[in-house]
């Protein structure tokens, strides 16, 4: 029984009405319907529903965003922006899918620039983010 539990995919869920202040780091997928004030980092996929809000940077291997991000979005593989998505920050991704109506208020970098970013580990990225914030 424990073998099937350890092999089943796990998802961290932040429900609507829930607010987290601080950085969230996970090895598995994260589904956000509530609010995170801080960065959200996952080695898996981050799903931000249309009610979800992240006031900080988002970093993951894949992301599906329908809510609002007030910070940079760094996705090493595939980023999907749904029609309700609002990104107030820069995007760094390998592959980008944008539905009509999604808003990007920042720059978008794809390709070789992202390859260099994806070589950084989470700690390096967090440190870069702090340095950028200190300069502002």
Foldseek 3Di string as FASTA:
>chain_A
DVVVVVPDADEAEAADPHEAEEEAEEAGEYEFLYEYEEEYEYQAEYEYDCNYEYAEEYYYQEYEYQHEYQEEYQHAEEYEYELNYEYNYEYEYAYYHYDHNHYYNYYYDYDPVSVVVVVDDPVVVVVVRVVVVVVD
